[in-house]
């Protein structure tokens, strides 16, 4: 299992995460920021725990994020 964490407030809506993992990331029509699909908010951070098969795509999403607000870690 892996945990994906996003600090959404600092998102600039560049779409880099959506391009590599569109099943886990979406652009909000409301504010233009990326949203972590299935994420639960706690103190400004959104997180979700998913299966290992999403690891590679989401590591790439974190690497491509120009503001470094995505973290991926093993659980």
C-alpha atoms as a PDB file:
ATOM      1  CA  UNK A   1       0.000   0.000   0.000  1.00  0.00           C
ATOM      2  CA  UNK A   2       1.074   3.554  -0.642  1.00  0.00           C
ATOM      3  CA  UNK A   3      -0.108   6.905   0.643  1.00  0.00           C
ATOM      4  CA  UNK A   4      -0.406   9.920  -1.657  1.00  0.00           C
ATOM      5  CA  UNK A   5      -0.394  13.317   0.044  1.00  0.00           C
ATOM      6  CA  UNK A   6      -1.136  16.675  -1.569  1.00  0.00           C
ATOM      7  CA  UNK A   7      -0.988  20.215  -0.177  1.00  0.00           C
ATOM      8  CA  UNK A   8      -3.786  21.437  -2.447  1.00  0.00           C
ATOM      9  CA  UNK A   9      -3.784  25.094  -1.355  1.00  0.00           C
ATOM     10  CA  UNK A  10      -0.368  25.582  -3.000  1.00  0.00           C
ATOM     11  CA  UNK A  11      -1.410  23.916  -6.293  1.00  0.00           C
ATOM     12  CA  UNK A  12      -0.977  26.096  -9.384  1.00  0.00           C
ATOM     13  CA  UNK A  13      -3.135  23.880 -11.627  1.00  0.00           C
ATOM     14  CA  UNK A  14      -0.394  23.024 -14.123  1.00  0.00           C
ATOM     15  CA  UNK A  15      -2.000  19.637 -14.930  1.00  0.00           C
ATOM     16  CA  UNK A  16       1.283  17.654 -14.689  1.00  0.00           C
ATOM     17  CA  UNK A  17      -0.192  15.111 -12.261  1.00  0.00           C
ATOM     18  CA  UNK A  18      -3.349  14.659 -14.352  1.00  0.00           C
ATOM     19  CA  UNK A  19      -1.271  13.917 -17.444  1.00  0.00           C
ATOM     20  CA  UNK A  20       0.475  10.919 -15.845  1.00  0.00           C
ATOM     21  CA  UNK A  21      -2.280   9.585 -13.558  1.00  0.00           C
ATOM     22  CA  UNK A  22      -5.682  10.809 -14.746  1.00  0.00           C
ATOM     23  CA  UNK A  23      -7.438   8.088 -12.733  1.00  0.00           C
ATOM     24  CA  UNK A  24      -6.117   9.652  -9.493  1.00  0.00           C
ATOM     25  CA  UNK A  25      -5.986  13.388 -10.342  1.00  0.00           C
ATOM     26  CA  UNK A  26      -8.534  15.857 -11.757  1.00  0.00           C
ATOM     27  CA  UNK A  27      -8.588  19.586 -12.470  1.00  0.00           C
ATOM     28  CA  UNK A  28     -11.315  21.357 -10.497  1.00  0.00           C
ATOM     29  CA  UNK A  29     -13.646  23.437 -12.628  1.00  0.00           C
ATOM     30  CA  UNK A  30     -14.366  25.513  -9.535  1.00  0.00           C
ATOM     31  CA  UNK A  31     -10.859  26.863  -8.796  1.00  0.00           C
ATOM     32  CA  UNK A  32      -8.549  25.364 -11.459  1.00  0.00           C
ATOM     33  CA  UNK A  33      -6.444  23.422  -8.963  1.00  0.00           C
ATOM     34  CA  UNK A  34      -5.714  19.718  -9.148  1.00  0.00           C
ATOM     35  CA  UNK A  35      -7.752  17.471  -6.908  1.00  0.00           C
ATOM     36  CA  UNK A  36      -6.602  14.147  -5.473  1.00  0.00           C
ATOM     37  CA  UNK A  37      -9.401  11.713  -6.355  1.00  0.00           C
ATOM     38  CA  UNK A  38     -10.519   9.932  -3.183  1.00  0.00           C
ATOM     39  CA  UNK A  39      -8.437  12.235  -1.012  1.00  0.00           C
ATOM     40  CA  UNK A  40      -9.533  13.148   2.501  1.00  0.00           C
ATOM     41  CA  UNK A  41      -8.633  16.600   3.839  1.00  0.00           C
ATOM     42  CA  UNK A  42      -6.951  17.093   7.201  1.00  0.00           C
ATOM     43  CA  UNK A  43      -5.321  20.392   8.189  1.00  0.00           C
ATOM     44  CA  UNK A  44      -4.847  21.533   4.610  1.00  0.00           C
ATOM     45  CA  UNK A  45      -3.423  18.245   3.339  1.00  0.00           C
ATOM     46  CA  UNK A  46      -5.348  15.746   1.244  1.00  0.00           C
ATOM     47  CA  UNK A  47      -4.353  12.080   1.424  1.00  0.00           C
ATOM     48  CA  UNK A  48      -5.446   8.698   0.156  1.00  0.00           C
ATOM     49  CA  UNK A  49      -4.115   5.168   0.610  1.00  0.00           C
ATOM     50  CA  UNK A  50      -4.049   3.068  -2.563  1.00  0.00           C
ATOM     51  CA  UNK A  51      -2.630  -0.193  -3.888  1.00  0.00           C
ATOM     52  CA  UNK A  52       0.981  -0.512  -5.019  1.00  0.00           C
ATOM     53  CA  UNK A  53       0.031  -0.643  -8.712  1.00  0.00           C
ATOM     54  CA  UNK A  54      -0.422   3.168  -8.583  1.00  0.00           C
ATOM     55  CA  UNK A  55       3.089   3.770  -7.243  1.00  0.00           C
ATOM     56  CA  UNK A  56       4.982   4.378 -10.483  1.00  0.00           C
ATOM     57  CA  UNK A  57       2.470   6.834 -12.000  1.00  0.00           C
ATOM     58  CA  UNK A  58       2.117   8.839  -8.824  1.00  0.00           C
ATOM     59  CA  UNK A  59       5.863   9.002  -8.196  1.00  0.00           C
ATOM     60  CA  UNK A  60       6.089  10.531 -11.661  1.00  0.00           C
ATOM     61  CA  UNK A  61       3.253  12.938 -10.806  1.00  0.00           C
ATOM     62  CA  UNK A  62       5.159  14.019  -7.682  1.00  0.00           C
ATOM     63  CA  UNK A  63       8.400  14.396  -9.633  1.00  0.00           C
ATOM     64  CA  UNK A  64       6.704  16.473 -12.370  1.00  0.00           C
ATOM     65  CA  UNK A  65       4.932  18.801  -9.920  1.00  0.00           C
ATOM     66  CA  UNK A  66       6.664  22.180 -10.292  1.00  0.00           C
ATOM     67  CA  UNK A  67       5.679  23.328  -6.795  1.00  0.00           C
ATOM     68  CA  UNK A  68       6.538  20.005  -5.041  1.00  0.00           C
ATOM     69  CA  UNK A  69       3.237  19.608  -3.203  1.00  0.00           C
ATOM     70  CA  UNK A  70       2.755  15.875  -3.883  1.00  0.00           C
ATOM     71  CA  UNK A  71       4.372  13.228  -1.698  1.00  0.00           C
ATOM     72  CA  UNK A  72       4.179   9.453  -2.200  1.00  0.00           C
ATOM     73  CA  UNK A  73       5.227   7.037   0.536  1.00  0.00           C
ATOM     74  CA  UNK A  74       4.990   3.338   1.284  1.00  0.00           C
ATOM     75  CA  UNK A  75       2.637   2.332   4.095  1.00  0.00           C
END
